[in-house]
């Protein structure tokens, strides 16, 4: 089968298309023919080995000291079940599914085997494979953190980085839970974030949210680009600070945890089960959550897709399509809400 392989850490150009052995499902696994995948920040960080200095050694030991242990990236997918192991009961051949593959990557290929009890769900029938592939990581991460914060109706939630993959889902899910949501993003994304349901939108290039005097029950840091001091200034006593990008607390965070009753949640990953994906599937089917797709690239142009994501300005999600099929077109710039 065709796969995108990398044998060393580095820029997008380390990615190469190769022929690799097609996997065979074990007794409790399903074999998925992949129709679409994505380029996420996780793929960028692992490919380029961009990690906090304090996390360098643990990350090297986990990902590969001299070169990558897992040579095929890709942390989310959508496709069709081609075959199932003899003990599989949840799925059958022909099922349209979407899944997260954060545990061992591998979605940059024509096929992927996954255990049936993992983060896999039947695809919502009202969206495309392209849209479904953009849900398993960003939406599941946003849902996990908002549930940890126990967001309630009437609370005030600020989402910093509201135009990215996690941020666009955080805005919608916080609204679903009944919160009053403020989104922080750049000038070009203000209208898009409003269209997702944000009650207020702040342009970080023009103003500092912490100078407005507004106090929030929950501050959701989706991109780790705001000031921690600013967040603490605007977080109420007993409030919750969520940071999806920082694996370990720095000194200021530790001090805040010791000296205040503000709750800090960071460095967590969603559980490797299907529960959250099934919940999200129902919301998508009901039209409560929509998918933001910035650009779509064919499989053969995955290097160009990584170059775009490396710039750090993607809106929502960047999707890879036409996996395993010939394509002679360039990327499709969507810059809109799908669904």
C-alpha atoms as a PDB file:
ATOM      1  CA  UNK A   1       0.000   0.000   0.000  1.00  0.00           C
ATOM      2  CA  UNK A   2       1.009   3.642  -0.366  1.00  0.00           C
ATOM      3  CA  UNK A   3       2.088   5.554   2.723  1.00  0.00           C
ATOM      4  CA  UNK A   4       3.833   8.792   3.620  1.00  0.00           C
ATOM      5  CA  UNK A   5       6.996   7.861   5.523  1.00  0.00           C
ATOM      6  CA  UNK A   6       9.667   9.876   7.316  1.00  0.00           C
ATOM      7  CA  UNK A   7      12.955   8.463   8.594  1.00  0.00           C
ATOM      8  CA  UNK A   8      14.382  11.554  10.268  1.00  0.00           C
ATOM      9  CA  UNK A   9      13.092  14.589  12.141  1.00  0.00           C
ATOM     10  CA  UNK A  10      12.984  17.789  10.162  1.00  0.00           C
ATOM     11  CA  UNK A  11      11.058  20.059   7.775  1.00  0.00           C
ATOM     12  CA  UNK A  12       8.136  18.918   5.585  1.00  0.00           C
ATOM     13  CA  UNK A  13      10.565  17.670   2.960  1.00  0.00           C
ATOM     14  CA  UNK A  14      11.483  14.658   5.141  1.00  0.00           C
ATOM     15  CA  UNK A  15       8.084  13.182   4.178  1.00  0.00           C
ATOM     16  CA  UNK A  16       8.217  10.742   1.266  1.00  0.00           C
ATOM     17  CA  UNK A  17       5.653   8.503  -0.394  1.00  0.00           C
ATOM     18  CA  UNK A  18       6.653   4.837  -0.306  1.00  0.00           C
ATOM     19  CA  UNK A  19       5.185   1.385  -0.750  1.00  0.00           C
ATOM     20  CA  UNK A  20       4.828  -0.445   2.560  1.00  0.00           C
ATOM     21  CA  UNK A  21       3.229  -3.696   3.618  1.00  0.00           C
ATOM     22  CA  UNK A  22      -0.549  -3.638   3.954  1.00  0.00           C
ATOM     23  CA  UNK A  23      -1.579  -4.468   7.549  1.00  0.00           C
ATOM     24  CA  UNK A  24      -3.679  -7.507   8.457  1.00  0.00           C
ATOM     25  CA  UNK A  25      -6.243  -7.114  11.255  1.00  0.00           C
ATOM     26  CA  UNK A  26      -5.805  -9.185  14.411  1.00  0.00           C
ATOM     27  CA  UNK A  27      -8.736 -10.939  16.055  1.00  0.00           C
ATOM     28  CA  UNK A  28     -10.063  -7.796  17.773  1.00  0.00           C
ATOM     29  CA  UNK A  29      -9.062  -5.303  15.078  1.00  0.00           C
ATOM     30  CA  UNK A  30     -10.686  -3.748  12.044  1.00  0.00           C
ATOM     31  CA  UNK A  31      -8.915  -2.849   8.789  1.00  0.00           C
ATOM     32  CA  UNK A  32      -9.903   0.609   7.567  1.00  0.00           C
ATOM     33  CA  UNK A  33      -9.499   1.800   3.993  1.00  0.00           C
ATOM     34  CA  UNK A  34      -8.641   5.451   4.631  1.00  0.00           C
ATOM     35  CA  UNK A  35     -10.398   8.081   2.526  1.00  0.00           C
ATOM     36  CA  UNK A  36      -9.203  11.198   4.371  1.00  0.00           C
ATOM     37  CA  UNK A  37      -6.803  12.284   7.105  1.00  0.00           C
ATOM     38  CA  UNK A  38      -5.474  15.616   8.381  1.00  0.00           C
ATOM     39  CA  UNK A  39      -2.350  17.618   9.124  1.00  0.00           C
ATOM     40  CA  UNK A  40      -2.492  18.604  12.782  1.00  0.00           C
ATOM     41  CA  UNK A  41      -0.201  20.463  15.146  1.00  0.00           C
ATOM     42  CA  UNK A  42       0.630  17.052  16.658  1.00  0.00           C
ATOM     43  CA  UNK A  43       1.932  15.883  13.266  1.00  0.00           C
ATOM     44  CA  UNK A  44       4.001  19.062  12.923  1.00  0.00           C
ATOM     45  CA  UNK A  45       5.506  18.730  16.394  1.00  0.00           C
ATOM     46  CA  UNK A  46       6.432  15.072  16.029  1.00  0.00           C
ATOM     47  CA  UNK A  47       7.773  15.436  12.479  1.00  0.00           C
ATOM     48  CA  UNK A  48       9.927  18.454  13.348  1.00  0.00           C
ATOM     49  CA  UNK A  49      10.510  17.406  16.955  1.00  0.00           C
ATOM     50  CA  UNK A  50       9.289  20.752  18.234  1.00  0.00           C
ATOM     51  CA  UNK A  51       8.835  20.220  21.976  1.00  0.00           C
ATOM     52  CA  UNK A  52       9.444  22.307  25.137  1.00  0.00           C
ATOM     53  CA  UNK A  53      13.090  22.046  26.307  1.00  0.00           C
ATOM     54  CA  UNK A  54      11.999  20.440  29.585  1.00  0.00           C
ATOM     55  CA  UNK A  55      10.258  17.699  27.631  1.00  0.00           C
ATOM     56  CA  UNK A  56      13.123  17.037  25.190  1.00  0.00           C
ATOM     57  CA  UNK A  57      14.553  13.863  26.744  1.00  0.00           C
ATOM     58  CA  UNK A  58      11.224  12.178  27.614  1.00  0.00           C
ATOM     59  CA  UNK A  59       9.962  12.975  24.114  1.00  0.00           C
ATOM     60  CA  UNK A  60      13.096  11.541  22.481  1.00  0.00           C
ATOM     61  CA  UNK A  61      12.812   8.363  24.515  1.00  0.00           C
ATOM     62  CA  UNK A  62       9.136   8.061  23.590  1.00  0.00           C
ATOM     63  CA  UNK A  63       9.317   9.031  19.910  1.00  0.00           C
ATOM     64  CA  UNK A  64      12.807   7.812  19.019  1.00  0.00           C
ATOM     65  CA  UNK A  65      16.218   8.943  20.220  1.00  0.00           C
ATOM     66  CA  UNK A  66      18.120   9.120  16.929  1.00  0.00           C
ATOM     67  CA  UNK A  67      15.277   8.709  14.465  1.00  0.00           C
ATOM     68  CA  UNK A  68      11.496   8.204  14.626  1.00  0.00           C
ATOM     69  CA  UNK A  69      10.256   4.905  16.035  1.00  0.00           C
ATOM     70  CA  UNK A  70       6.954   5.248  14.185  1.00  0.00           C
ATOM     71  CA  UNK A  71       7.640   6.312  10.632  1.00  0.00           C
ATOM     72  CA  UNK A  72       4.077   7.029   9.472  1.00  0.00           C
ATOM     73  CA  UNK A  73       2.385  10.130  10.880  1.00  0.00           C
ATOM     74  CA  UNK A  74      -1.332  10.971  10.933  1.00  0.00           C
ATOM     75  CA  UNK A  75      -3.489  11.102  14.069  1.00  0.00           C
ATOM     76  CA  UNK A  76      -7.038  11.082  12.711  1.00  0.00           C
ATOM     77  CA  UNK A  77      -8.841   9.476   9.809  1.00  0.00           C
ATOM     78  CA  UNK A  78     -12.127   8.663   8.153  1.00  0.00           C
ATOM     79  CA  UNK A  79     -12.742   5.711   5.902  1.00  0.00           C
ATOM     80  CA  UNK A  80     -14.501   2.431   5.294  1.00  0.00           C
ATOM     81  CA  UNK A  81     -14.097  -0.868   7.119  1.00  0.00           C
ATOM     82  CA  UNK A  82     -12.639  -3.290   4.601  1.00  0.00           C
ATOM     83  CA  UNK A  83     -12.348  -6.351   6.855  1.00  0.00           C
ATOM     84  CA  UNK A  84     -12.666  -7.337  10.509  1.00  0.00           C
ATOM     85  CA  UNK A  85     -10.945  -9.760  12.859  1.00  0.00           C
ATOM     86  CA  UNK A  86     -12.815 -12.913  13.850  1.00  0.00           C
ATOM     87  CA  UNK A  87     -13.719 -11.597  17.326  1.00  0.00           C
ATOM     88  CA  UNK A  88     -14.943  -8.141  16.274  1.00  0.00           C
ATOM     89  CA  UNK A  89     -18.553  -7.360  17.214  1.00  0.00           C
ATOM     90  CA  UNK A  90     -18.885  -3.543  17.018  1.00  0.00           C
ATOM     91  CA  UNK A  91     -18.217  -3.126  13.304  1.00  0.00           C
ATOM     92  CA  UNK A  92     -18.721  -4.951  10.048  1.00  0.00           C
ATOM     93  CA  UNK A  93     -17.368  -4.724   6.516  1.00  0.00           C
ATOM     94  CA  UNK A  94     -18.606  -1.646   4.706  1.00  0.00           C
ATOM     95  CA  UNK A  95     -19.130   0.523   7.789  1.00  0.00           C
ATOM     96  CA  UNK A  96     -18.177   4.177   7.307  1.00  0.00           C
ATOM     97  CA  UNK A  97     -16.113   5.201  10.334  1.00  0.00           C
ATOM     98  CA  UNK A  98     -13.930   7.957  11.747  1.00  0.00           C
ATOM     99  CA  UNK A  99     -11.213   7.481  14.341  1.00  0.00           C
ATOM    100  CA  UNK A 100      -8.345   8.962  16.330  1.00  0.00           C
ATOM    101  CA  UNK A 101      -4.907   7.365  16.002  1.00  0.00           C
ATOM    102  CA  UNK A 102      -2.984   9.450  18.542  1.00  0.00           C
ATOM    103  CA  UNK A 103      -1.720   6.331  20.315  1.00  0.00           C
ATOM    104  CA  UNK A 104       0.522   5.138  17.493  1.00  0.00           C
ATOM    105  CA  UNK A 105      -0.162   7.481  14.535  1.00  0.00           C
ATOM    106  CA  UNK A 106      -0.230   5.783  11.102  1.00  0.00           C
ATOM    107  CA  UNK A 107      -3.101   7.553   9.290  1.00  0.00           C
ATOM    108  CA  UNK A 108      -0.901   8.767   6.409  1.00  0.00           C
ATOM    109  CA  UNK A 109      -1.494   5.546   4.517  1.00  0.00           C
ATOM    110  CA  UNK A 110      -4.076   3.732   2.439  1.00  0.00           C
ATOM    111  CA  UNK A 111      -4.941   1.350   5.285  1.00  0.00           C
ATOM    112  CA  UNK A 112      -4.844   1.292   9.066  1.00  0.00           C
ATOM    113  CA  UNK A 113      -5.683  -1.454  11.576  1.00  0.00           C
ATOM    114  CA  UNK A 114      -7.285  -0.337  14.836  1.00  0.00           C
ATOM    115  CA  UNK A 115      -8.650  -2.222  17.859  1.00  0.00           C
ATOM    116  CA  UNK A 116     -12.438  -2.183  17.824  1.00  0.00           C
ATOM    117  CA  UNK A 117     -12.587  -0.878  21.409  1.00  0.00           C
ATOM    118  CA  UNK A 118     -10.481   2.185  20.562  1.00  0.00           C
ATOM    119  CA  UNK A 119     -11.597   5.756  19.733  1.00  0.00           C
ATOM    120  CA  UNK A 120     -13.611   4.766  16.649  1.00  0.00           C
ATOM    121  CA  UNK A 121     -17.201   5.574  15.741  1.00  0.00           C
ATOM    122  CA  UNK A 122     -19.601   5.244  12.850  1.00  0.00           C
ATOM    123  CA  UNK A 123     -19.334   8.351  10.657  1.00  0.00           C
ATOM    124  CA  UNK A 124     -22.181  10.856  10.874  1.00  0.00           C
ATOM    125  CA  UNK A 125     -24.221  10.310   7.684  1.00  0.00           C
ATOM    126  CA  UNK A 126     -24.758  14.028   7.083  1.00  0.00           C
ATOM    127  CA  UNK A 127     -21.080  14.896   6.530  1.00  0.00           C
ATOM    128  CA  UNK A 128     -18.350  13.818   4.122  1.00  0.00           C
ATOM    129  CA  UNK A 129     -15.299  11.686   4.868  1.00  0.00           C
ATOM    130  CA  UNK A 130     -13.261  14.885   4.542  1.00  0.00           C
ATOM    131  CA  UNK A 131     -15.264  16.554   7.292  1.00  0.00           C
ATOM    132  CA  UNK A 132     -15.358  13.450   9.491  1.00  0.00           C
ATOM    133  CA  UNK A 133     -11.559  13.124   9.399  1.00  0.00           C
ATOM    134  CA  UNK A 134     -11.253  16.568  10.982  1.00  0.00           C
ATOM    135  CA  UNK A 135     -13.213  15.681  14.149  1.00  0.00           C
ATOM    136  CA  UNK A 136     -11.419  12.950  16.171  1.00  0.00           C
ATOM    137  CA  UNK A 137      -8.536  14.975  17.653  1.00  0.00           C
ATOM    138  CA  UNK A 138      -9.509  18.645  17.793  1.00  0.00           C
ATOM    139  CA  UNK A 139     -13.128  18.121  18.835  1.00  0.00           C
ATOM    140  CA  UNK A 140     -12.315  15.306  21.249  1.00  0.00           C
ATOM    141  CA  UNK A 141      -9.590  17.389  22.904  1.00  0.00           C
ATOM    142  CA  UNK A 142     -11.911  20.384  23.328  1.00  0.00           C
ATOM    143  CA  UNK A 143     -14.653  18.163  24.741  1.00  0.00           C
ATOM    144  CA  UNK A 144     -12.282  16.439  27.176  1.00  0.00           C
ATOM    145  CA  UNK A 145     -11.060  19.707  28.689  1.00  0.00           C
ATOM    146  CA  UNK A 146     -14.472  21.360  28.872  1.00  0.00           C
ATOM    147  CA  UNK A 147     -15.846  18.317  30.676  1.00  0.00           C
ATOM    148  CA  UNK A 148     -12.907  18.432  33.103  1.00  0.00           C
ATOM    149  CA  UNK A 149     -13.808  22.053  33.817  1.00  0.00           C
ATOM    150  CA  UNK A 150     -17.457  21.060  34.306  1.00  0.00           C
ATOM    151  CA  UNK A 151     -18.664  23.995  32.205  1.00  0.00           C
ATOM    152  CA  UNK A 152     -22.166  24.986  33.265  1.00  0.00           C
ATOM    153  CA  UNK A 153     -25.008  27.036  31.808  1.00  0.00           C
ATOM    154  CA  UNK A 154     -24.522  30.736  32.447  1.00  0.00           C
ATOM    155  CA  UNK A 155     -20.794  30.573  33.058  1.00  0.00           C
ATOM    156  CA  UNK A 156     -18.413  32.854  31.173  1.00  0.00           C
ATOM    157  CA  UNK A 157     -15.826  31.030  29.063  1.00  0.00           C
ATOM    158  CA  UNK A 158     -12.967  32.634  27.138  1.00  0.00           C
ATOM    159  CA  UNK A 159     -11.339  30.646  24.313  1.00  0.00           C
ATOM    160  CA  UNK A 160      -7.911  31.975  23.338  1.00  0.00           C
ATOM    161  CA  UNK A 161      -7.022  30.753  19.860  1.00  0.00           C
ATOM    162  CA  UNK A 162     -10.661  30.358  18.858  1.00  0.00           C
ATOM    163  CA  UNK A 163      -9.951  29.949  15.140  1.00  0.00           C
ATOM    164  CA  UNK A 164      -7.764  26.829  15.291  1.00  0.00           C
ATOM    165  CA  UNK A 165      -8.923  23.223  15.239  1.00  0.00           C
ATOM    166  CA  UNK A 166      -9.324  22.836  19.010  1.00  0.00           C
ATOM    167  CA  UNK A 167     -10.524  26.418  19.392  1.00  0.00           C
ATOM    168  CA  UNK A 168     -13.341  26.215  16.842  1.00  0.00           C
ATOM    169  CA  UNK A 169     -14.689  23.133  18.581  1.00  0.00           C
ATOM    170  CA  UNK A 170     -14.214  24.649  22.049  1.00  0.00           C
ATOM    171  CA  UNK A 171     -16.365  27.648  21.090  1.00  0.00           C
ATOM    172  CA  UNK A 172     -19.180  25.447  19.798  1.00  0.00           C
ATOM    173  CA  UNK A 173     -19.075  22.936  22.639  1.00  0.00           C
ATOM    174  CA  UNK A 174     -18.970  25.616  25.339  1.00  0.00           C
ATOM    175  CA  UNK A 175     -22.048  27.172  23.718  1.00  0.00           C
ATOM    176  CA  UNK A 176     -23.712  23.758  23.646  1.00  0.00           C
ATOM    177  CA  UNK A 177     -23.120  23.440  27.392  1.00  0.00           C
ATOM    178  CA  UNK A 178     -24.850  26.808  27.872  1.00  0.00           C
ATOM    179  CA  UNK A 179     -21.880  29.087  28.507  1.00  0.00           C
ATOM    180  CA  UNK A 180     -21.458  32.688  27.436  1.00  0.00           C
ATOM    181  CA  UNK A 181     -18.459  32.429  25.130  1.00  0.00           C
ATOM    182  CA  UNK A 182     -15.802  34.984  24.218  1.00  0.00           C
ATOM    183  CA  UNK A 183     -13.430  34.019  21.415  1.00  0.00           C
ATOM    184  CA  UNK A 184      -9.984  35.539  20.924  1.00  0.00           C
ATOM    185  CA  UNK A 185      -8.464  35.410  17.437  1.00  0.00           C
ATOM    186  CA  UNK A 186      -6.888  37.558  14.735  1.00  0.00           C
ATOM    187  CA  UNK A 187      -8.648  40.154  12.577  1.00  0.00           C
ATOM    188  CA  UNK A 188      -9.185  37.871   9.587  1.00  0.00           C
ATOM    189  CA  UNK A 189     -10.985  35.241  11.683  1.00  0.00           C
ATOM    190  CA  UNK A 190     -13.408  37.415  13.645  1.00  0.00           C
ATOM    191  CA  UNK A 191     -16.446  36.739  11.461  1.00  0.00           C
ATOM    192  CA  UNK A 192     -15.762  33.006  11.281  1.00  0.00           C
ATOM    193  CA  UNK A 193     -15.596  32.706  15.075  1.00  0.00           C
ATOM    194  CA  UNK A 194     -18.812  34.719  15.405  1.00  0.00           C
ATOM    195  CA  UNK A 195     -20.504  32.333  12.986  1.00  0.00           C
ATOM    196  CA  UNK A 196     -19.639  29.449  15.317  1.00  0.00           C
ATOM    197  CA  UNK A 197     -21.763  31.018  18.044  1.00  0.00           C
ATOM    198  CA  UNK A 198     -19.333  33.129  20.060  1.00  0.00           C
ATOM    199  CA  UNK A 199     -21.178  35.834  22.003  1.00  0.00           C
ATOM    200  CA  UNK A 200     -18.169  38.157  21.819  1.00  0.00           C
ATOM    201  CA  UNK A 201     -15.005  38.124  19.719  1.00  0.00           C
ATOM    202  CA  UNK A 202     -11.803  39.939  20.628  1.00  0.00           C
ATOM    203  CA  UNK A 203      -9.098  40.755  18.081  1.00  0.00           C
ATOM    204  CA  UNK A 204      -5.829  40.043  19.884  1.00  0.00           C
ATOM    205  CA  UNK A 205      -3.924  42.203  17.367  1.00  0.00           C
ATOM    206  CA  UNK A 206      -5.907  45.238  18.521  1.00  0.00           C
ATOM    207  CA  UNK A 207      -6.579  44.701  22.215  1.00  0.00           C
ATOM    208  CA  UNK A 208      -5.550  42.680  25.265  1.00  0.00           C
ATOM    209  CA  UNK A 209      -8.532  40.785  26.655  1.00  0.00           C
ATOM    210  CA  UNK A 210      -7.181  41.112  30.194  1.00  0.00           C
ATOM    211  CA  UNK A 211      -7.449  44.915  30.091  1.00  0.00           C
ATOM    212  CA  UNK A 212     -11.221  44.879  29.613  1.00  0.00           C
ATOM    213  CA  UNK A 213     -11.990  44.077  33.218  1.00  0.00           C
ATOM    214  CA  UNK A 214     -14.100  41.042  32.340  1.00  0.00           C
ATOM    215  CA  UNK A 215     -13.753  38.057  34.687  1.00  0.00           C
ATOM    216  CA  UNK A 216     -14.251  34.515  33.405  1.00  0.00           C
ATOM    217  CA  UNK A 217     -15.220  31.242  35.042  1.00  0.00           C
ATOM    218  CA  UNK A 218     -13.102  29.278  32.551  1.00  0.00           C
ATOM    219  CA  UNK A 219     -10.201  30.340  30.344  1.00  0.00           C
ATOM    220  CA  UNK A 220      -9.409  27.860  27.594  1.00  0.00           C
ATOM    221  CA  UNK A 221      -5.911  28.276  26.131  1.00  0.00           C
ATOM    222  CA  UNK A 222      -6.001  26.483  22.784  1.00  0.00           C
ATOM    223  CA  UNK A 223      -2.751  27.775  21.268  1.00  0.00           C
ATOM    224  CA  UNK A 224      -0.505  28.690  24.237  1.00  0.00           C
ATOM    225  CA  UNK A 225       0.205  32.180  22.893  1.00  0.00           C
ATOM    226  CA  UNK A 226      -1.405  34.316  25.594  1.00  0.00           C
ATOM    227  CA  UNK A 227       0.238  35.532  28.781  1.00  0.00           C
ATOM    228  CA  UNK A 228      -0.365  33.260  31.774  1.00  0.00           C
ATOM    229  CA  UNK A 229      -0.361  36.354  33.994  1.00  0.00           C
ATOM    230  CA  UNK A 230      -3.079  37.911  31.819  1.00  0.00           C
ATOM    231  CA  UNK A 231      -5.147  34.754  32.069  1.00  0.00           C
ATOM    232  CA  UNK A 232      -4.848  34.687  35.854  1.00  0.00           C
ATOM    233  CA  UNK A 233      -5.796  38.371  35.996  1.00  0.00           C
ATOM    234  CA  UNK A 234      -9.044  37.606  34.158  1.00  0.00           C
ATOM    235  CA  UNK A 235      -9.860  34.284  35.847  1.00  0.00           C
ATOM    236  CA  UNK A 236     -12.255  34.401  38.779  1.00  0.00           C
ATOM    237  CA  UNK A 237     -11.392  32.964  42.188  1.00  0.00           C
ATOM    238  CA  UNK A 238     -12.148  29.274  42.041  1.00  0.00           C
ATOM    239  CA  UNK A 239     -12.130  29.426  38.229  1.00  0.00           C
ATOM    240  CA  UNK A 240     -10.505  26.924  35.888  1.00  0.00           C
ATOM    241  CA  UNK A 241      -7.611  27.481  33.476  1.00  0.00           C
ATOM    242  CA  UNK A 242      -7.321  24.965  30.644  1.00  0.00           C
ATOM    243  CA  UNK A 243      -4.170  24.657  28.531  1.00  0.00           C
ATOM    244  CA  UNK A 244      -4.136  21.958  25.865  1.00  0.00           C
ATOM    245  CA  UNK A 245      -0.586  22.569  24.624  1.00  0.00           C
ATOM    246  CA  UNK A 246       1.672  22.683  27.700  1.00  0.00           C
ATOM    247  CA  UNK A 247       2.729  19.211  28.917  1.00  0.00           C
ATOM    248  CA  UNK A 248       4.272  20.390  32.180  1.00  0.00           C
ATOM    249  CA  UNK A 249       3.505  23.383  34.441  1.00  0.00           C
ATOM    250  CA  UNK A 250       6.102  26.134  34.615  1.00  0.00           C
ATOM    251  CA  UNK A 251       7.079  27.911  37.840  1.00  0.00           C
ATOM    252  CA  UNK A 252       4.281  30.502  37.688  1.00  0.00           C
ATOM    253  CA  UNK A 253       1.710  27.763  37.210  1.00  0.00           C
ATOM    254  CA  UNK A 254       3.041  25.765  40.130  1.00  0.00           C
ATOM    255  CA  UNK A 255       3.044  28.848  42.352  1.00  0.00           C
ATOM    256  CA  UNK A 256      -0.535  29.687  41.358  1.00  0.00           C
ATOM    257  CA  UNK A 257      -1.638  26.151  42.162  1.00  0.00           C
ATOM    258  CA  UNK A 258      -0.094  26.403  45.621  1.00  0.00           C
ATOM    259  CA  UNK A 259      -1.140  29.926  46.553  1.00  0.00           C
ATOM    260  CA  UNK A 260      -4.648  30.249  45.073  1.00  0.00           C
ATOM    261  CA  UNK A 261      -7.837  28.263  44.656  1.00  0.00           C
ATOM    262  CA  UNK A 262      -7.733  28.584  40.886  1.00  0.00           C
ATOM    263  CA  UNK A 263      -7.698  25.219  39.163  1.00  0.00           C
ATOM    264  CA  UNK A 264      -5.170  24.508  36.404  1.00  0.00           C
ATOM    265  CA  UNK A 265      -5.692  21.617  33.974  1.00  0.00           C
ATOM    266  CA  UNK A 266      -3.021  20.960  31.353  1.00  0.00           C
ATOM    267  CA  UNK A 267      -1.044  18.240  29.644  1.00  0.00           C
ATOM    268  CA  UNK A 268      -3.929  15.768  29.447  1.00  0.00           C
ATOM    269  CA  UNK A 269      -5.056  13.556  26.592  1.00  0.00           C
ATOM    270  CA  UNK A 270      -8.548  12.214  25.907  1.00  0.00           C
ATOM    271  CA  UNK A 271      -9.187   8.596  26.812  1.00  0.00           C
ATOM    272  CA  UNK A 272      -8.546   5.959  24.151  1.00  0.00           C
ATOM    273  CA  UNK A 273     -12.189   4.881  24.062  1.00  0.00           C
ATOM    274  CA  UNK A 274     -15.110   5.551  21.754  1.00  0.00           C
ATOM    275  CA  UNK A 275     -17.342   7.410  24.206  1.00  0.00           C
ATOM    276  CA  UNK A 276     -16.429  10.980  23.291  1.00  0.00           C
ATOM    277  CA  UNK A 277     -16.488  10.277  19.550  1.00  0.00           C
ATOM    278  CA  UNK A 278     -19.960   8.765  19.821  1.00  0.00           C
ATOM    279  CA  UNK A 279     -21.112  11.848  21.758  1.00  0.00           C
ATOM    280  CA  UNK A 280     -19.608  14.139  19.099  1.00  0.00           C
ATOM    281  CA  UNK A 281     -21.177  12.087  16.304  1.00  0.00           C
ATOM    282  CA  UNK A 282     -24.619  12.738  17.810  1.00  0.00           C
ATOM    283  CA  UNK A 283     -23.931  16.481  18.051  1.00  0.00           C
ATOM    284  CA  UNK A 284     -22.776  16.606  14.426  1.00  0.00           C
ATOM    285  CA  UNK A 285     -25.821  14.641  13.274  1.00  0.00           C
ATOM    286  CA  UNK A 286     -28.056  17.097  15.154  1.00  0.00           C
ATOM    287  CA  UNK A 287     -26.303  20.109  13.608  1.00  0.00           C
ATOM    288  CA  UNK A 288     -24.978  21.299  16.982  1.00  0.00           C
ATOM    289  CA  UNK A 289     -21.325  21.094  15.930  1.00  0.00           C
ATOM    290  CA  UNK A 290     -19.855  21.960  12.540  1.00  0.00           C
ATOM    291  CA  UNK A 291     -16.440  21.340  11.028  1.00  0.00           C
ATOM    292  CA  UNK A 292     -14.187  24.187   9.893  1.00  0.00           C
ATOM    293  CA  UNK A 293     -11.960  23.204   6.981  1.00  0.00           C
ATOM    294  CA  UNK A 294      -9.336  25.694   5.873  1.00  0.00           C
ATOM    295  CA  UNK A 295      -7.730  23.779   2.998  1.00  0.00           C
ATOM    296  CA  UNK A 296      -7.861  20.332   1.408  1.00  0.00           C
ATOM    297  CA  UNK A 297      -4.845  18.781  -0.301  1.00  0.00           C
ATOM    298  CA  UNK A 298      -4.526  15.538  -2.273  1.00  0.00           C
ATOM    299  CA  UNK A 299      -2.368  12.790  -0.785  1.00  0.00           C
ATOM    300  CA  UNK A 300       0.452  13.533  -3.234  1.00  0.00           C
ATOM    301  CA  UNK A 301       0.753  17.108  -1.939  1.00  0.00           C
ATOM    302  CA  UNK A 302       1.065  16.317   1.749  1.00  0.00           C
ATOM    303  CA  UNK A 303       4.468  18.071   1.906  1.00  0.00           C
ATOM    304  CA  UNK A 304       2.824  21.292   0.748  1.00  0.00           C
ATOM    305  CA  UNK A 305       0.066  20.779   3.315  1.00  0.00           C
ATOM    306  CA  UNK A 306       2.693  20.483   6.066  1.00  0.00           C
ATOM    307  CA  UNK A 307       4.405  23.638   4.825  1.00  0.00           C
ATOM    308  CA  UNK A 308       1.130  25.485   5.187  1.00  0.00           C
ATOM    309  CA  UNK A 309       0.430  24.161   8.695  1.00  0.00           C
ATOM    310  CA  UNK A 310       4.009  24.951   9.753  1.00  0.00           C
ATOM    311  CA  UNK A 311       3.218  28.655   9.253  1.00  0.00           C
ATOM    312  CA  UNK A 312       0.923  28.474  12.280  1.00  0.00           C
ATOM    313  CA  UNK A 313      -2.045  30.314  10.786  1.00  0.00           C
ATOM    314  CA  UNK A 314      -4.450  27.570   9.755  1.00  0.00           C
ATOM    315  CA  UNK A 315      -8.150  28.135  10.342  1.00  0.00           C
ATOM    316  CA  UNK A 316      -9.765  25.055  11.784  1.00  0.00           C
ATOM    317  CA  UNK A 317      -8.461  22.004   9.951  1.00  0.00           C
ATOM    318  CA  UNK A 318      -6.275  21.049   7.001  1.00  0.00           C
ATOM    319  CA  UNK A 319      -7.435  17.844   5.345  1.00  0.00           C
ATOM    320  CA  UNK A 320      -5.700  15.288   3.132  1.00  0.00           C
ATOM    321  CA  UNK A 321      -7.896  13.544   0.556  1.00  0.00           C
ATOM    322  CA  UNK A 322      -7.599  11.315  -2.530  1.00  0.00           C
ATOM    323  CA  UNK A 323      -5.563   8.814  -0.533  1.00  0.00           C
ATOM    324  CA  UNK A 324      -4.236   6.075  -2.803  1.00  0.00           C
ATOM    325  CA  UNK A 325      -5.860   7.585  -5.883  1.00  0.00           C
ATOM    326  CA  UNK A 326      -4.238   9.560  -8.667  1.00  0.00           C
ATOM    327  CA  UNK A 327      -4.784  13.298  -8.519  1.00  0.00           C
ATOM    328  CA  UNK A 328      -3.629  16.134 -10.755  1.00  0.00           C
ATOM    329  CA  UNK A 329      -5.039  19.131  -8.925  1.00  0.00           C
ATOM    330  CA  UNK A 330      -3.604  21.511  -6.354  1.00  0.00           C
ATOM    331  CA  UNK A 331      -4.989  22.191  -2.926  1.00  0.00           C
ATOM    332  CA  UNK A 332      -8.541  23.412  -2.549  1.00  0.00           C
ATOM    333  CA  UNK A 333      -8.769  26.491  -0.349  1.00  0.00           C
ATOM    334  CA  UNK A 334     -12.012  26.173   1.616  1.00  0.00           C
ATOM    335  CA  UNK A 335     -11.823  28.843   4.295  1.00  0.00           C
ATOM    336  CA  UNK A 336     -15.392  28.110   5.259  1.00  0.00           C
ATOM    337  CA  UNK A 337     -17.486  26.099   7.628  1.00  0.00           C
ATOM    338  CA  UNK A 338     -18.411  22.680   6.304  1.00  0.00           C
ATOM    339  CA  UNK A 339     -21.537  20.810   7.199  1.00  0.00           C
END
